Amino acid sequence: MKHLPLTKQQLIAAMISLSLGSVAQAALTINGSSASSESSARLSWGGADSLSEARSIMSKSSNTSAIKKIDNGSGTTSISNTPSFSSSNNSYNNTNSYNTTYRGSFGNNNMIPISTDSRSVAVIDAETGESIYQKDADIARPMASITKVMTAMVVLDAGLDMREEITLDPEDFVGPKRASSNLKSGDRLNRAEMLLMALMKSENPAAKSLSRNYPGGYSAFIRAMNRKAQELGMSTAFFGDPTGLDKRNVASSNDLVKMVRAAGNYDVIRRFSTTKSYDFYVSNYGSGNRTYKANNTNSLVRDGSYPIGISKTGFINEAGRCIVMETRVNNRPAIIVILGANSSATRLGDAKNILNSLATRRTV
């Protein structure tokens, strides 16, 4: 069946048809075909229209998990997830049961013929789990702000009220490294806006505040990050902070593929990480209210030339320039992880090289 490009009106109508229930997943019907989270068909949720829709999905307080299934990078894992908070040790716990099924073949018969300049790269076919390009992909490396993808999943798993207002404290601006920010102590945004700040603009104080306002506090949040990494089979991963400024935050490219695949099950992460720009209205009793005009840190998302369904960039000196993306090129989904580029130009060049090569590879 041939699928015609969506008009703006069709896209808006499709987004309106989303269920606005308490769970962050929703089935979408376009041109008569279902595009639920189980489907191989993906849409890139970008722009202000999809942003408002995502905020509607998150607008209710819920005890329901924000994830329906976990993809461990090799197959699709159905998960029954019951979150609970233990007052005895101030910790947030999930009770999980797993049932994994594998699809497709796993080999290297369909490798894309490219070379890359970044230190570590992994590209997989997200439909089959097949590796189609690797370069030092099993070596753990600092991941910088790619960390915030895990931060977002842990926040959403907690089922917290996304309307709750959070105020930035001075401690939200203290971390392993000094980093610039357009936010100020005393700024007030709701939890959804803080999450958007962290994913789209990569604001470190926003990520820190989300972890500080987690059940059990900051330490419980870090434990939850590492627990989730273990659940996803990320054997090389370690998280020491929620922002990525900590050089101890490491994982291999192949393990970050697993993280991105799991993140793809959260509609909110898809929408927020691919929002091109957003004007935040920031309240602050001390310094006054203001508008913060923010743009996505990924120039490929801002440009809109490629179909990108998930995006996150990162940089600290120890990590180099990094990026993770999910895309759908030539009717096939793929996940791209690039770590350790020595410049933004190198990272962008490798990403474009991969995306263009995906457009020419065989589909059967």
Protein backbone atom coordinates (compact mmCIF):
# COMPACT_ATOMS: atom_id res chain seq x y z
CA MET A 1 0.00 0.00 0.00
CA LYS A 2 1.39 3.39 -0.97
CA HIS A 3 1.45 6.03 1.77
CA LEU A 4 1.18 9.60 0.59
CA PRO A 5 2.96 12.41 2.44
CA LEU A 6 0.89 13.88 5.26
CA THR A 7 -0.51 17.35 4.88
CA LYS A 8 -0.39 19.68 7.88
CA GLN A 9 -4.14 19.23 8.29
CA GLN A 10 -3.83 15.42 8.26
CA LEU A 11 -1.05 15.52 10.82
CA ILE A 12 -3.01 17.79 13.16
CA ALA A 13 -6.10 15.60 12.77
CA ALA A 14 -4.04 12.50 13.50
CA MET A 15 -2.58 14.06 16.62
CA ILE A 16 -6.02 15.09 17.85
CA SER A 17 -7.08 11.45 17.50
CA LEU A 18 -4.51 10.39 20.09
CA SER A 19 -5.92 9.10 23.35
CA LEU A 20 -5.27 11.61 26.12
CA GLY A 21 -5.30 8.99 28.89
CA SER A 22 -2.84 8.70 31.75
CA VAL A 23 -0.44 6.42 29.88
CA ALA A 24 2.11 8.09 27.62
CA GLN A 25 1.61 5.59 24.78
CA ALA A 26 -1.23 6.02 22.30
CA ALA A 27 -2.17 4.30 19.05
CA LEU A 28 -2.26 6.45 15.95
CA THR A 29 -4.21 5.71 12.78
CA ILE A 30 -3.09 7.35 9.54
CA ASN A 31 -4.27 6.38 6.04
CA GLY A 32 -6.06 3.39 7.50
CA SER A 33 -3.01 1.77 9.13
CA SER A 34 -2.18 1.54 12.84
CA ALA A 35 1.08 3.10 13.96
CA SER A 36 1.16 2.06 17.59
CA SER A 37 4.37 1.58 19.56
CA GLU A 38 4.47 -2.02 18.32
CA SER A 39 4.43 -0.93 14.66
CA SER A 40 7.45 -0.54 12.42
CA ALA A 41 5.95 2.71 11.15
CA ARG A 42 7.17 5.71 13.11
CA LEU A 43 6.45 9.40 12.95
CA SER A 44 8.78 12.16 13.99
CA TRP A 45 6.99 14.17 16.64
CA GLY A 46 8.37 17.65 16.16
CA GLY A 47 7.06 21.17 16.38
CA ALA A 48 4.77 23.25 18.55
CA ASP A 49 1.57 21.36 17.61
CA SER A 50 2.93 18.01 18.76
CA LEU A 51 4.45 19.68 21.81
CA SER A 52 1.06 20.86 23.07
CA GLU A 53 -0.35 17.40 22.42
CA ALA A 54 2.42 15.74 24.41
CA ARG A 55 1.82 18.09 27.31
CA SER A 56 -1.86 17.09 27.20
CA ILE A 57 -0.87 13.43 27.45
CA MET A 58 1.21 14.20 30.52
CA SER A 59 -1.30 16.54 32.17
CA LYS A 60 -2.74 14.08 34.68
CA SER A 61 -1.19 12.66 37.82
CA SER A 62 -0.94 8.89 37.44
CA ASN A 63 0.41 5.84 39.20
CA THR A 64 0.61 4.04 35.86
CA SER A 65 4.01 3.33 34.36
CA ALA A 66 4.89 5.45 31.34
CA ILE A 67 6.39 2.46 29.57
CA LYS A 68 4.47 -0.47 28.13
CA LYS A 69 7.37 -2.55 26.89
CA ILE A 70 11.14 -2.54 26.97
CA ASP A 71 13.24 -3.19 23.90
CA ASN A 72 16.60 -4.53 24.97
CA GLY A 73 18.32 -3.92 21.64
CA SER A 74 17.99 -7.46 20.32
CA GLY A 75 14.27 -8.05 20.45
CA THR A 76 10.99 -6.77 21.79
CA THR A 77 10.33 -7.43 25.47
CA SER A 78 6.81 -7.19 26.84
CA ILE A 79 6.86 -5.91 30.40
CA SER A 80 4.41 -5.82 33.26
CA ASN A 81 5.50 -2.91 35.42
CA THR A 82 4.14 -2.04 38.88
CA PRO A 83 5.76 1.06 40.41
CA SER A 84 5.80 1.61 44.15
CA PHE A 85 7.44 3.90 46.67
CA SER A 86 8.99 2.46 49.83
CA SER A 87 8.83 4.84 52.78
CA SER A 88 11.16 2.65 54.83
CA ASN A 89 14.24 3.39 52.74
CA ASN A 90 13.04 6.35 50.62
CA SER A 91 13.37 4.45 47.38
CA TYR A 92 11.28 4.03 44.26
CA ASN A 93 10.87 0.44 43.09
CA ASN A 94 9.48 -1.28 40.02
CA THR A 95 8.29 -4.89 39.99
CA ASN A 96 8.89 -6.19 36.49
CA SER A 97 8.19 -9.41 34.60
CA TYR A 98 9.62 -9.97 31.15
CA ASN A 99 8.74 -11.96 28.03
CA THR A 100 11.17 -11.45 25.17
CA THR A 101 10.62 -12.33 21.51
CA TYR A 102 13.18 -11.77 18.75
CA ARG A 103 12.53 -10.71 15.19
CA GLY A 104 14.70 -10.81 12.11
CA SER A 105 18.23 -12.04 11.56
CA PHE A 106 21.32 -10.78 13.33
CA GLY A 107 24.38 -10.60 11.12
CA ASN A 108 26.36 -8.20 9.00
CA ASN A 109 25.21 -9.02 5.48
CA ASN A 110 23.63 -5.61 5.01
CA MET A 111 26.42 -3.35 6.30
CA ILE A 112 26.39 0.19 4.94
CA PRO A 113 29.64 1.02 3.07
CA ILE A 114 30.89 4.06 4.98
CA SER A 115 33.80 5.27 7.08
CA THR A 116 33.44 7.60 10.06
CA ASP A 117 35.80 9.92 11.92
CA SER A 118 34.20 9.75 15.37
CA ARG A 119 35.77 7.42 17.93
CA SER A 120 32.79 5.11 18.41
CA VAL A 121 29.75 4.54 16.19
CA ALA A 122 26.89 2.07 16.10
CA VAL A 123 24.06 1.88 13.58
CA ILE A 124 21.37 -0.78 13.79
CA ASP A 125 18.25 -1.65 11.85
CA ALA A 126 15.63 -0.89 14.50
CA GLU A 127 13.17 -3.33 12.93
CA THR A 128 15.36 -6.44 13.04
CA GLY A 129 18.05 -5.50 15.53
CA GLU A 130 20.68 -6.17 12.86
CA SER A 131 23.95 -4.25 13.13
CA ILE A 132 24.61 -2.40 9.89
CA TYR A 133 27.68 -0.41 10.98
CA GLN A 134 30.02 -0.56 13.96
CA LYS A 135 33.22 1.15 15.00
CA ASP A 136 34.61 0.37 18.47
CA ALA A 137 30.98 0.00 19.53
CA ASP A 138 31.60 -2.20 22.60
CA ILE A 139 33.99 0.18 24.38
CA ALA A 140 32.50 2.22 27.22
CA ARG A 141 32.97 5.95 26.70
CA PRO A 142 31.70 9.12 28.41
CA MET A 143 28.28 9.98 26.99
CA ALA A 144 27.82 13.60 28.18
CA SER A 145 24.22 14.84 27.81
CA ILE A 146 23.06 11.66 26.08
CA THR A 147 22.52 10.87 29.79
CA LYS A 148 19.34 12.96 29.69
CA VAL A 149 17.52 10.27 27.69
CA MET A 150 17.85 7.97 30.69
CA THR A 151 16.89 10.85 32.98
CA ALA A 152 13.68 11.32 31.00
CA MET A 153 12.76 7.63 31.15
CA VAL A 154 13.24 7.49 34.92
CA VAL A 155 11.10 10.62 35.37
CA LEU A 156 8.30 9.20 33.22
CA ASP A 157 8.45 5.77 34.85
CA ALA A 158 7.62 7.42 38.18
CA GLY A 159 4.17 8.49 36.94
CA LEU A 160 4.47 11.89 38.61
CA ASP A 161 2.12 14.85 38.09
CA MET A 162 3.56 16.68 35.09
CA ARG A 163 1.63 19.84 36.06
CA GLU A 164 3.45 20.17 39.37
CA GLU A 165 5.48 23.38 39.58
CA ILE A 166 9.20 22.97 40.26
CA THR A 167 11.42 25.82 41.45
CA LEU A 168 15.11 25.82 40.58
CA ASP A 169 17.34 25.93 43.65
CA PRO A 170 21.00 27.07 43.79
CA GLU A 171 22.05 23.42 44.12
CA ASP A 172 20.58 22.70 40.66
CA PHE A 173 23.37 24.81 39.20
CA VAL A 174 26.14 22.92 41.03
CA GLY A 175 27.62 19.89 39.32
CA PRO A 176 30.83 18.07 38.42
CA LYS A 177 31.60 20.77 35.84
CA ARG A 178 30.73 24.39 35.28
CA ALA A 179 28.26 24.75 32.43
CA SER A 180 26.51 27.74 30.94
CA SER A 181 22.76 28.10 31.37
CA ASN A 182 20.06 30.61 30.56
CA LEU A 183 18.09 29.51 33.61
CA LYS A 184 18.30 31.18 37.04
CA SER A 185 17.83 30.16 40.63
CA GLY A 186 14.20 30.81 41.52
CA ASP A 187 12.87 30.05 38.03
CA ARG A 188 9.56 28.20 38.19
CA LEU A 189 8.31 25.79 35.52
CA ASN A 190 6.14 22.71 35.69
CA ARG A 191 7.62 19.23 35.45
CA ALA A 192 6.66 18.85 31.78
CA GLU A 193 8.43 22.09 30.88
CA MET A 194 11.53 21.06 32.83
CA LEU A 195 11.57 17.79 30.89
CA LEU A 196 11.25 19.64 27.60
CA MET A 197 14.09 21.96 28.65
CA ALA A 198 16.29 18.95 29.40
CA LEU A 199 15.57 17.01 26.19
CA MET A 200 15.31 19.81 23.63
CA LYS A 201 17.68 22.48 24.97
CA SER A 202 19.79 20.17 27.17
CA GLU A 203 19.52 22.53 30.13
CA ASN A 204 21.48 20.92 32.97
CA PRO A 205 19.68 22.67 35.88
CA ALA A 206 16.37 21.37 34.51
CA ALA A 207 17.64 17.79 34.58
CA LYS A 208 19.08 18.28 38.06
CA SER A 209 15.80 19.68 39.37
CA LEU A 210 13.86 16.73 37.94
CA SER A 211 16.08 14.32 39.82
CA ARG A 212 15.92 16.36 43.03
CA ASN A 213 12.09 16.30 42.91
CA TYR A 214 11.92 12.51 42.49
CA PRO A 215 10.40 10.24 45.17
CA GLY A 216 13.23 9.64 47.63
CA GLY A 217 15.29 12.53 46.25
CA TYR A 218 18.46 12.78 44.23
CA SER A 219 20.19 9.63 45.49
CA ALA A 220 17.12 7.51 44.79
CA PHE A 221 17.00 8.95 41.28
CA ILE A 222 20.61 7.95 40.53
CA ARG A 223 19.91 4.45 41.83
CA ALA A 224 16.88 4.26 39.55
CA MET A 225 18.98 5.29 36.54
CA ASN A 226 21.49 2.51 37.12
CA ARG A 227 18.76 0.00 37.91
CA LYS A 228 17.03 0.77 34.63
CA ALA A 229 20.30 0.47 32.73
CA GLN A 230 20.68 -3.03 34.18
CA GLU A 231 17.11 -3.91 33.22
CA LEU A 232 17.86 -2.86 29.65
CA GLY A 233 20.97 -5.05 29.52
CA MET A 234 23.35 -2.08 29.39
CA SER A 235 26.28 -3.99 30.89
CA THR A 236 28.87 -1.25 30.25
CA ALA A 237 26.75 1.65 31.55
CA PHE A 238 27.16 3.71 34.70
CA PHE A 239 25.33 6.89 35.70
CA GLY A 240 26.73 9.22 38.34
CA ASP A 241 24.52 12.24 37.68
CA PRO A 242 21.36 13.09 35.68
CA THR A 243 22.89 15.76 33.43
CA GLY A 244 25.91 14.18 31.77
CA LEU A 245 28.38 16.68 33.20
CA ASP A 246 29.88 13.83 35.23
CA LYS A 247 32.63 12.16 33.20
CA ARG A 248 31.84 8.91 35.04
CA ASN A 249 28.62 8.63 33.01
CA VAL A 250 29.72 6.03 30.48
CA ALA A 251 28.32 3.40 28.13
CA SER A 252 29.30 1.71 24.89
CA SER A 253 27.63 2.72 21.65
CA ASN A 254 25.92 -0.66 21.49
CA ASP A 255 24.49 -0.17 24.98
CA LEU A 256 23.25 3.31 24.07
CA VAL A 257 21.43 1.72 21.13
CA LYS A 258 19.50 -0.31 23.72
CA MET A 259 18.69 2.87 25.63
CA VAL A 260 17.43 4.68 22.53
CA ARG A 261 15.28 1.71 21.53
CA ALA A 262 13.68 1.70 24.97
CA ALA A 263 13.18 5.48 24.81
CA GLY A 264 11.26 4.99 21.57
CA ASN A 265 8.42 3.49 23.59
CA TYR A 266 7.73 6.85 25.26
CA ASP A 267 5.70 9.16 23.03
CA VAL A 268 6.65 12.07 25.26
CA ILE A 269 10.39 11.56 24.65
CA ARG A 270 9.78 11.33 20.91
CA ARG A 271 7.86 14.59 20.86
CA PHE A 272 10.01 16.58 23.25
CA SER A 273 13.40 15.53 21.86
CA THR A 274 12.39 16.49 18.30
CA THR A 275 10.70 19.80 19.10
CA LYS A 276 12.52 22.38 16.98
CA SER A 277 11.96 25.40 19.23
CA TYR A 278 9.77 26.63 22.04
CA ASP A 279 9.20 29.90 23.88
CA PHE A 280 9.05 29.18 27.62
CA TYR A 281 7.25 31.58 29.93
CA VAL A 282 9.41 31.49 33.05
CA SER A 283 8.12 32.78 36.38
CA ASN A 284 10.56 34.06 39.00
CA TYR A 285 9.49 35.93 42.13
CA GLY A 286 12.94 37.41 42.70
CA SER A 287 14.09 38.54 39.25
CA GLY A 288 10.75 38.86 37.47
CA ASN A 289 9.04 36.86 34.75
CA ARG A 290 10.48 36.49 31.27
CA THR A 291 10.28 34.57 28.00
CA TYR A 292 13.05 32.07 27.30
CA LYS A 293 13.28 31.35 23.55
CA ALA A 294 14.93 27.93 23.18
CA ASN A 295 16.02 25.92 20.14
CA ASN A 296 16.81 22.23 19.72
CA THR A 297 20.52 21.46 20.11
CA ASN A 298 20.49 19.18 17.04
CA SER A 299 20.87 21.16 13.82
CA LEU A 300 19.45 18.21 11.86
CA VAL A 301 16.21 18.50 13.83
CA ARG A 302 16.09 22.27 13.38
CA ASP A 303 16.76 21.92 9.65
CA GLY A 304 14.07 19.28 9.14
CA SER A 305 15.72 17.67 6.11
CA TYR A 306 15.80 14.20 7.65
CA PRO A 307 13.04 12.19 9.39
CA ILE A 308 14.20 12.06 13.01
CA GLY A 309 12.01 10.44 15.67
CA ILE A 310 14.33 10.69 18.69
CA SER A 311 17.30 13.02 19.16
CA LYS A 312 19.83 13.96 21.82
CA THR A 313 23.20 15.64 21.57
CA GLY A 314 25.98 15.85 24.12
CA PHE A 315 29.36 17.39 24.86
CA ILE A 316 31.97 17.55 27.58
CA ASN A 317 35.71 17.55 26.96
CA GLU A 318 36.12 13.91 28.02
CA ALA A 319 33.28 12.72 25.77
CA GLY A 320 33.81 14.83 22.68
CA ARG A 321 30.78 15.62 20.55
CA CYS A 322 28.09 12.94 20.77
CA ILE A 323 24.67 12.29 19.32
CA VAL A 324 21.98 9.61 19.34
CA MET A 325 19.09 9.52 16.87
CA GLU A 326 16.30 7.31 15.67
CA THR A 327 15.39 7.80 12.03
CA ARG A 328 13.38 6.16 9.27
CA VAL A 329 15.10 6.26 5.90
CA ASN A 330 14.14 4.30 2.77
CA ASN A 331 11.15 2.88 4.65
CA ARG A 332 13.40 1.25 7.27
CA PRO A 333 13.93 2.41 10.87
CA ALA A 334 17.45 2.80 12.19
CA ILE A 335 19.17 3.96 15.37
CA ILE A 336 22.40 5.93 15.16
CA VAL A 337 24.88 6.44 18.01
CA ILE A 338 27.97 8.61 17.56
CA LEU A 339 30.43 9.14 20.42
CA GLY A 340 33.73 10.97 20.61
CA ALA A 341 33.66 13.28 17.60
CA ASN A 342 36.43 15.85 17.90
CA SER A 343 34.24 18.71 16.64
CA SER A 344 30.65 19.59 15.84
CA ALA A 345 31.55 19.45 12.15
CA THR A 346 32.86 15.89 12.52
CA ARG A 347 29.74 14.80 14.38
CA LEU A 348 27.47 16.40 11.77
CA GLY A 349 29.52 14.96 8.89
CA ASP A 350 29.37 11.43 10.28
CA ALA A 351 25.63 11.74 10.94
CA LYS A 352 24.88 12.97 7.41
CA ASN A 353 27.14 10.29 5.93
CA ILE A 354 25.20 7.61 7.77
CA LEU A 355 21.78 9.07 6.93
CA ASN A 356 22.65 9.38 3.24
CA SER A 357 24.02 5.82 3.16
CA LEU A 358 20.84 4.50 4.76
CA ALA A 359 18.88 6.03 1.91
CA THR A 360 20.66 3.83 -0.64
CA ARG A 361 20.80 0.50 1.17
CA ARG A 362 18.64 -2.41 0.11
CA THR A 363 15.33 -2.92 1.90
CA VAL A 364 14.79 -6.67 1.30
